[in-house]
PDB file of all heavy atoms in Angstrom:
ATOM      1  N   GLY A   1      -7.675   1.710   0.454  1.00  0.00           N
ATOM      2  CA  GLY A   1      -7.781   2.739  -0.579  1.00  0.00           C
ATOM      3  C   GLY A   1      -6.479   2.838  -1.348  1.00  0.00           C
ATOM      4  O   GLY A   1      -5.407   2.992  -0.757  1.00  0.00           O
ATOM      5  N   TYR A   2      -6.551   2.756  -2.669  1.00  0.00           N
ATOM      6  CA  TYR A   2      -5.326   2.682  -3.462  1.00  0.00           C
ATOM      7  C   TYR A   2      -5.320   3.760  -4.546  1.00  0.00           C
ATOM      8  O   TYR A   2      -5.391   3.480  -5.737  1.00  0.00           O
ATOM      9  CB  TYR A   2      -5.172   1.291  -4.072  1.00  0.00           C
ATOM     10  CG  TYR A   2      -3.793   1.019  -4.632  1.00  0.00           C
ATOM     11  CD1 TYR A   2      -2.706   0.828  -3.792  1.00  0.00           C
ATOM     12  CD2 TYR A   2      -3.579   0.951  -6.008  1.00  0.00           C
ATOM     13  CE1 TYR A   2      -1.436   0.575  -4.295  1.00  0.00           C
ATOM     14  CE2 TYR A   2      -2.323   0.699  -6.522  1.00  0.00           C
ATOM     15  CZ  TYR A   2      -1.252   0.516  -5.669  1.00  0.00           C
ATOM     16  OH  TYR A   2       0.004   0.282  -6.171  1.00  0.00           O
ATOM     17  N   GLY A   3      -5.254   5.027  -4.097  1.00  0.00           N
ATOM     18  CA  GLY A   3      -5.051   6.144  -5.004  1.00  0.00           C
ATOM     19  C   GLY A   3      -3.622   6.633  -4.878  1.00  0.00           C
ATOM     20  O   GLY A   3      -2.701   5.858  -4.625  1.00  0.00           O
ATOM     21  N   ASN A   4      -3.427   7.950  -5.026  1.00  0.00           N
ATOM     22  CA  ASN A   4      -2.080   8.514  -4.935  1.00  0.00           C
ATOM     23  C   ASN A   4      -1.432   8.229  -3.582  1.00  0.00           C
ATOM     24  O   ASN A   4      -0.263   7.857  -3.503  1.00  0.00           O
ATOM     25  CB  ASN A   4      -2.127  10.024  -5.164  1.00  0.00           C
ATOM     26  CG  ASN A   4      -2.441  10.384  -6.599  1.00  0.00           C
ATOM     27  OD1 ASN A   4      -2.047   9.676  -7.527  1.00  0.00           O
ATOM     28  ND2 ASN A   4      -3.155  11.480  -6.802  1.00  0.00           N
ATOM     29  N   LEU A   5      -2.206   8.420  -2.506  1.00  0.00           N
ATOM     30  CA  LEU A   5      -1.650   8.186  -1.178  1.00  0.00           C
ATOM     31  C   LEU A   5      -1.381   6.706  -0.946  1.00  0.00           C
ATOM     32  O   LEU A   5      -0.343   6.325  -0.392  1.00  0.00           O
ATOM     33  CB  LEU A   5      -2.592   8.731  -0.105  1.00  0.00           C
ATOM     34  CG  LEU A   5      -2.104   8.619   1.342  1.00  0.00           C
ATOM     35  CD1 LEU A   5      -0.765   9.333   1.524  1.00  0.00           C
ATOM     36  CD2 LEU A   5      -3.145   9.180   2.308  1.00  0.00           C
ATOM     37  N   GLY A   6      -2.290   5.851  -1.373  1.00  0.00           N
ATOM     38  CA  GLY A   6      -2.095   4.416  -1.210  1.00  0.00           C
ATOM     39  C   GLY A   6      -0.849   3.920  -1.921  1.00  0.00           C
ATOM     40  O   GLY A   6      -0.088   3.098  -1.383  1.00  0.00           O
ATOM     41  N   ARG A   7      -0.620   4.425  -3.131  1.00  0.00           N
ATOM     42  CA  ARG A   7       0.599   4.042  -3.857  1.00  0.00           C
ATOM     43  C   ARG A   7       1.841   4.561  -3.132  1.00  0.00           C
ATOM     44  O   ARG A   7       2.881   3.892  -3.098  1.00  0.00           O
ATOM     45  CB  ARG A   7       0.539   4.576  -5.288  1.00  0.00           C
ATOM     46  CG  ARG A   7      -0.410   3.784  -6.185  1.00  0.00           C
ATOM     47  CD  ARG A   7      -0.328   4.227  -7.626  1.00  0.00           C
ATOM     48  NE  ARG A   7      -0.950   5.530  -7.822  1.00  0.00           N
ATOM     49  CZ  ARG A   7      -2.235   5.715  -8.109  1.00  0.00           C
ATOM     50  NH1 ARG A   7      -3.036   4.659  -8.206  1.00  0.00           N
ATOM     51  NH2 ARG A   7      -2.735   6.921  -8.275  1.00  0.00           N
ATOM     52  N   GLY A   8       1.726   5.762  -2.544  1.00  0.00           N
ATOM     53  CA  GLY A   8       2.845   6.283  -1.760  1.00  0.00           C
ATOM     54  C   GLY A   8       3.135   5.431  -0.537  1.00  0.00           C
ATOM     55  O   GLY A   8       4.300   5.200  -0.182  1.00  0.00           O
ATOM     56  N   ILE A   9       2.080   4.950   0.127  1.00  0.00           N
ATOM     57  CA  ILE A   9       2.258   4.063   1.280  1.00  0.00           C
ATOM     58  C   ILE A   9       2.974   2.787   0.857  1.00  0.00           C
ATOM     59  O   ILE A   9       3.906   2.318   1.523  1.00  0.00           O
ATOM     60  CB  ILE A   9       0.892   3.715   1.912  1.00  0.00           C
ATOM     61  CG1 ILE A   9       0.185   4.968   2.463  1.00  0.00           C
ATOM     62  CG2 ILE A   9       1.056   2.647   2.985  1.00  0.00           C
ATOM     63  CD1 ILE A   9       0.848   5.604   3.646  1.00  0.00           C
ATOM     64  N   GLU A  10       2.555   2.223  -0.260  1.00  0.00           N
ATOM     65  CA  GLU A  10       3.180   1.000  -0.746  1.00  0.00           C
ATOM     66  C   GLU A  10       4.675   1.210  -0.979  1.00  0.00           C
ATOM     67  O   GLU A  10       5.509   0.376  -0.596  1.00  0.00           O
ATOM     68  CB  GLU A  10       2.497   0.547  -2.039  1.00  0.00           C
ATOM     69  CG  GLU A  10       3.044  -0.754  -2.592  1.00  0.00           C
ATOM     70  CD  GLU A  10       2.423  -1.133  -3.917  1.00  0.00           C
ATOM     71  OE1 GLU A  10       1.838  -0.254  -4.592  1.00  0.00           O
ATOM     72  OE2 GLU A  10       2.544  -2.313  -4.298  1.00  0.00           O
ATOM     73  N   ALA A  11       5.030   2.338  -1.589  1.00  0.00           N
ATOM     74  CA  ALA A  11       6.446   2.630  -1.846  1.00  0.00           C
ATOM     75  C   ALA A  11       7.208   2.837  -0.537  1.00  0.00           C
ATOM     76  O   ALA A  11       8.350   2.382  -0.391  1.00  0.00           O
ATOM     77  CB  ALA A  11       6.563   3.868  -2.734  1.00  0.00           C
ATOM     78  N   ALA A  12       6.587   3.521   0.435  1.00  0.00           N
ATOM     79  CA  ALA A  12       7.258   3.798   1.708  1.00  0.00           C
ATOM     80  C   ALA A  12       7.519   2.517   2.494  1.00  0.00           C
ATOM     81  O   ALA A  12       8.558   2.382   3.157  1.00  0.00           O
ATOM     82  CB  ALA A  12       6.428   4.771   2.541  1.00  0.00           C
ATOM     83  N   ILE A  13       6.595   1.571   2.441  1.00  0.00           N
ATOM     84  CA  ILE A  13       6.775   0.303   3.149  1.00  0.00           C
ATOM     85  C   ILE A  13       8.034  -0.403   2.660  1.00  0.00           C
ATOM     86  O   ILE A  13       8.778  -1.011   3.438  1.00  0.00           O
ATOM     87  CB  ILE A  13       5.531  -0.587   2.983  1.00  0.00           C
ATOM     88  CG1 ILE A  13       4.342   0.005   3.761  1.00  0.00           C
ATOM     89  CG2 ILE A  13       5.806  -2.014   3.452  1.00  0.00           C
ATOM     90  CD1 ILE A  13       3.024  -0.680   3.467  1.00  0.00           C
ATOM     91  N   ARG A  14       8.318  -0.294   1.359  1.00  0.00           N
ATOM     92  CA  ARG A  14       9.499  -0.941   0.782  1.00  0.00           C
ATOM     93  C   ARG A  14      10.799  -0.374   1.362  1.00  0.00           C
ATOM     94  O   ARG A  14      11.840  -1.021   1.310  1.00  0.00           O
ATOM     95  CB  ARG A  14       9.495  -0.766  -0.741  1.00  0.00           C
ATOM     96  CG  ARG A  14       8.386  -1.547  -1.439  1.00  0.00           C
ATOM     97  CD  ARG A  14       8.265  -1.136  -2.893  1.00  0.00           C
ATOM     98  NE  ARG A  14       9.449  -1.485  -3.664  1.00  0.00           N
ATOM     99  CZ  ARG A  14       9.624  -2.644  -4.288  1.00  0.00           C
ATOM    100  NH1 ARG A  14       8.686  -3.582  -4.209  1.00  0.00           N
ATOM    101  NH2 ARG A  14      10.702  -2.870  -4.998  1.00  0.00           N
ATOM    102  N   GLN A  15      10.759   0.830   1.904  1.00  0.00           N
ATOM    103  CA  GLN A  15      11.960   1.459   2.462  1.00  0.00           C
ATOM    104  C   GLN A  15      12.100   1.204   3.966  1.00  0.00           C
ATOM    105  O   GLN A  15      13.019   1.728   4.588  1.00  0.00           O
ATOM    106  CB  GLN A  15      11.935   2.968   2.183  1.00  0.00           C
ATOM    107  CG  GLN A  15      11.974   3.305   0.703  1.00  0.00           C
ATOM    108  CD  GLN A  15      11.978   4.795   0.439  1.00  0.00           C
ATOM    109  OE1 GLN A  15      11.661   5.592   1.303  1.00  0.00           O
ATOM    110  NE2 GLN A  15      12.347   5.163  -0.775  1.00  0.00           N
ATOM    111  N   ASN A  16      11.196   0.430   4.531  1.00  0.00           N
ATOM    112  CA  ASN A  16      11.222   0.126   5.959  1.00  0.00           C
ATOM    113  C   ASN A  16      11.311  -1.382   6.150  1.00  0.00           C
ATOM    114  O   ASN A  16      10.291  -2.084   6.082  1.00  0.00           O
ATOM    115  CB  ASN A  16       9.970   0.687   6.640  1.00  0.00           C
ATOM    116  CG  ASN A  16       9.990   2.200   6.727  1.00  0.00           C
ATOM    117  OD1 ASN A  16      10.484   2.764   7.692  1.00  0.00           O
ATOM    118  ND2 ASN A  16       9.457   2.871   5.700  1.00  0.00           N
ATOM    119  N   PRO A  17      12.509  -1.913   6.404  1.00  0.00           N
ATOM    120  CA  PRO A  17      12.701  -3.366   6.467  1.00  0.00           C
ATOM    121  C   PRO A  17      11.920  -4.072   7.557  1.00  0.00           C
ATOM    122  O   PRO A  17      11.727  -5.287   7.485  1.00  0.00           O
ATOM    123  CB  PRO A  17      14.211  -3.501   6.721  1.00  0.00           C
ATOM    124  CG  PRO A  17      14.810  -2.221   6.234  1.00  0.00           C
ATOM    125  CD  PRO A  17      13.782  -1.170   6.517  1.00  0.00           C
ATOM    126  N   ASP A  18      11.460  -3.324   8.568  1.00  0.00           N
ATOM    127  CA  ASP A  18      10.699  -3.963   9.642  1.00  0.00           C
ATOM    128  C   ASP A  18       9.212  -4.018   9.336  1.00  0.00           C
ATOM    129  O   ASP A  18       8.409  -4.376  10.197  1.00  0.00           O
ATOM    130  CB  ASP A  18      10.931  -3.241  10.978  1.00  0.00           C
ATOM    131  CG  ASP A  18      10.458  -1.796  10.960  1.00  0.00           C
ATOM    132  OD1 ASP A  18      10.429  -1.182   9.867  1.00  0.00           O
ATOM    133  OD2 ASP A  18      10.111  -1.269  12.041  1.00  0.00           O
ATOM    134  N   MET A  19       8.831  -3.684   8.092  1.00  0.00           N
ATOM    135  CA  MET A  19       7.419  -3.681   7.708  1.00  0.00           C
ATOM    136  C   MET A  19       7.205  -4.493   6.440  1.00  0.00           C
ATOM    137  O   MET A  19       8.105  -4.630   5.615  1.00  0.00           O
ATOM    138  CB  MET A  19       6.936  -2.251   7.468  1.00  0.00           C
ATOM    139  CG  MET A  19       6.939  -1.379   8.704  1.00  0.00           C
ATOM    140  SD  MET A  19       6.232   0.238   8.338  1.00  0.00           S
ATOM    141  CE  MET A  19       5.937   0.827  10.006  1.00  0.00           C
ATOM    142  N   GLU A  20       5.984  -5.011   6.302  1.00  0.00           N
ATOM    143  CA  GLU A  20       5.613  -5.696   5.070  1.00  0.00           C
ATOM    144  C   GLU A  20       4.173  -5.356   4.717  1.00  0.00           C
ATOM    145  O   GLU A  20       3.331  -5.177   5.608  1.00  0.00           O
ATOM    146  CB  GLU A  20       5.772  -7.205   5.224  1.00  0.00           C
ATOM    147  CG  GLU A  20       4.887  -7.828   6.296  1.00  0.00           C
ATOM    148  CD  GLU A  20       5.026  -9.340   6.364  1.00  0.00           C
ATOM    149  OE1 GLU A  20       4.608  -9.999   5.387  1.00  0.00           O
ATOM    150  OE2 GLU A  20       5.528  -9.846   7.374  1.00  0.00           O
ATOM    151  N   LEU A  21       3.904  -5.250   3.430  1.00  0.00           N
ATOM    152  CA  LEU A  21       2.546  -5.015   2.969  1.00  0.00           C
ATOM    153  C   LEU A  21       1.796  -6.332   2.991  1.00  0.00           C
ATOM    154  O   LEU A  21       2.177  -7.294   2.318  1.00  0.00           O
ATOM    155  CB  LEU A  21       2.557  -4.420   1.559  1.00  0.00           C
ATOM    156  CG  LEU A  21       1.186  -4.140   0.937  1.00  0.00           C
ATOM    157  CD1 LEU A  21       0.380  -3.148   1.788  1.00  0.00           C
ATOM    158  CD2 LEU A  21       1.348  -3.595  -0.488  1.00  0.00           C
ATOM    159  N   ALA A  22       0.711  -6.366   3.777  1.00  0.00           N
ATOM    160  CA  ALA A  22      -0.053  -7.606   3.919  1.00  0.00           C
ATOM    161  C   ALA A  22      -1.207  -7.701   2.929  1.00  0.00           C
ATOM    162  O   ALA A  22      -1.505  -8.787   2.415  1.00  0.00           O
ATOM    163  CB  ALA A  22      -0.600  -7.717   5.343  1.00  0.00           C
ATOM    164  N   ALA A  23      -1.874  -6.554   2.662  1.00  0.00           N
ATOM    165  CA  ALA A  23      -3.025  -6.583   1.765  1.00  0.00           C
ATOM    166  C   ALA A  23      -3.422  -5.161   1.404  1.00  0.00           C
ATOM    167  O   ALA A  23      -3.145  -4.207   2.143  1.00  0.00           O
ATOM    168  CB  ALA A  23      -4.211  -7.299   2.413  1.00  0.00           C
ATOM    169  N   VAL A  24      -4.088  -5.033   0.272  1.00  0.00           N
ATOM    170  CA  VAL A  24      -4.669  -3.766  -0.168  1.00  0.00           C
ATOM    171  C   VAL A  24      -6.174  -3.970  -0.281  1.00  0.00           C
ATOM    172  O   VAL A  24      -6.636  -5.005  -0.796  1.00  0.00           O
ATOM    173  CB  VAL A  24      -4.084  -3.321  -1.525  1.00  0.00           C
ATOM    174  CG1 VAL A  24      -4.845  -2.123  -2.081  1.00  0.00           C
ATOM    175  CG2 VAL A  24      -2.600  -2.991  -1.390  1.00  0.00           C
ATOM    176  N   PHE A  25      -6.949  -2.985   0.195  1.00  0.00           N
ATOM    177  CA  PHE A  25      -8.399  -3.048   0.137  1.00  0.00           C
ATOM    178  C   PHE A  25      -8.910  -1.886  -0.707  1.00  0.00           C
ATOM    179  O   PHE A  25      -8.452  -0.748  -0.569  1.00  0.00           O
ATOM    180  CB  PHE A  25      -8.994  -2.985   1.549  1.00  0.00           C
ATOM    181  CG  PHE A  25      -8.590  -4.142   2.410  1.00  0.00           C
ATOM    182  CD1 PHE A  25      -7.415  -4.099   3.148  1.00  0.00           C
ATOM    183  CD2 PHE A  25      -9.362  -5.292   2.454  1.00  0.00           C
ATOM    184  CE1 PHE A  25      -7.016  -5.172   3.924  1.00  0.00           C
ATOM    185  CE2 PHE A  25      -8.976  -6.378   3.228  1.00  0.00           C
ATOM    186  CZ  PHE A  25      -7.800  -6.322   3.967  1.00  0.00           C
ATOM    187  N   THR A  26      -9.858  -2.179  -1.592  1.00  0.00           N
ATOM    188  CA  THR A  26     -10.342  -1.183  -2.533  1.00  0.00           C
ATOM    189  C   THR A  26     -11.845  -1.299  -2.693  1.00  0.00           C
ATOM    190  O   THR A  26     -12.426  -2.379  -2.518  1.00  0.00           O
ATOM    191  CB  THR A  26      -9.660  -1.365  -3.904  1.00  0.00           C
ATOM    192  OG1 THR A  26     -10.181  -0.403  -4.837  1.00  0.00           O
ATOM    193  CG2 THR A  26      -9.903  -2.766  -4.454  1.00  0.00           C
ATOM    194  N   ARG A  27     -12.479  -0.145  -3.016  1.00  0.00           N
ATOM    195  CA  ARG A  27     -13.904  -0.165  -3.330  1.00  0.00           C
ATOM    196  C   ARG A  27     -14.150  -0.519  -4.789  1.00  0.00           C
ATOM    197  O   ARG A  27     -15.287  -0.750  -5.196  1.00  0.00           O
ATOM    198  CB  ARG A  27     -14.530   1.193  -2.994  1.00  0.00           C
ATOM    199  CG  ARG A  27     -14.621   1.452  -1.505  1.00  0.00           C
ATOM    200  CD  ARG A  27     -15.203   2.807  -1.173  1.00  0.00           C
ATOM    201  NE  ARG A  27     -14.321   3.898  -1.551  1.00  0.00           N
ATOM    202  CZ  ARG A  27     -14.448   5.151  -1.114  1.00  0.00           C
ATOM    203  NH1 ARG A  27     -15.434   5.463  -0.293  1.00  0.00           N
ATOM    204  NH2 ARG A  27     -13.618   6.083  -1.492  1.00  0.00           N
ATOM    205  N   ARG A  28     -13.088  -0.542  -5.576  1.00  0.00           N
ATOM    206  CA  ARG A  28     -13.196  -0.953  -6.972  1.00  0.00           C
ATOM    207  C   ARG A  28     -13.197  -2.478  -7.075  1.00  0.00           C
ATOM    208  O   ARG A  28     -12.978  -3.178  -6.082  1.00  0.00           O
ATOM    209  CB  ARG A  28     -12.013  -0.388  -7.777  1.00  0.00           C
ATOM    210  CG  ARG A  28     -12.062   1.120  -7.956  1.00  0.00           C
ATOM    211  CD  ARG A  28     -10.801   1.629  -8.638  1.00  0.00           C
ATOM    212  NE  ARG A  28      -9.698   1.814  -7.705  1.00  0.00           N
ATOM    213  CZ  ARG A  28      -8.441   2.042  -8.074  1.00  0.00           C
ATOM    214  NH1 ARG A  28      -8.132   2.084  -9.353  1.00  0.00           N
ATOM    215  NH2 ARG A  28      -7.502   2.218  -7.149  1.00  0.00           N
ATOM    216  N   ALA A  29     -13.428  -2.985  -8.259  1.00  0.00           N
ATOM    217  CA  ALA A  29     -13.311  -4.428  -8.461  1.00  0.00           C
ATOM    218  C   ALA A  29     -11.844  -4.812  -8.256  1.00  0.00           C
ATOM    219  O   ALA A  29     -10.966  -4.285  -8.952  1.00  0.00           O
ATOM    220  CB  ALA A  29     -13.772  -4.806  -9.865  1.00  0.00           C
ATOM    221  N   PRO A  30     -11.539  -5.698  -7.295  1.00  0.00           N
ATOM    222  CA  PRO A  30     -10.139  -5.990  -6.979  1.00  0.00           C
ATOM    223  C   PRO A  30      -9.299  -6.424  -8.174  1.00  0.00           C
ATOM    224  O   PRO A  30      -8.116  -6.089  -8.267  1.00  0.00           O
ATOM    225  CB  PRO A  30     -10.249  -7.111  -5.947  1.00  0.00           C
ATOM    226  CG  PRO A  30     -11.582  -6.899  -5.302  1.00  0.00           C
ATOM    227  CD  PRO A  30     -12.472  -6.401  -6.401  1.00  0.00           C
TER     228      PRO A  30
END
């Protein structure tokens, strides 16, 4: 899910060096 919270998660991952964003899943057309 990539709404307000999803975008916040993406930003937070960037501040945690031990984590990486692997994929985003959406009900919209990707």
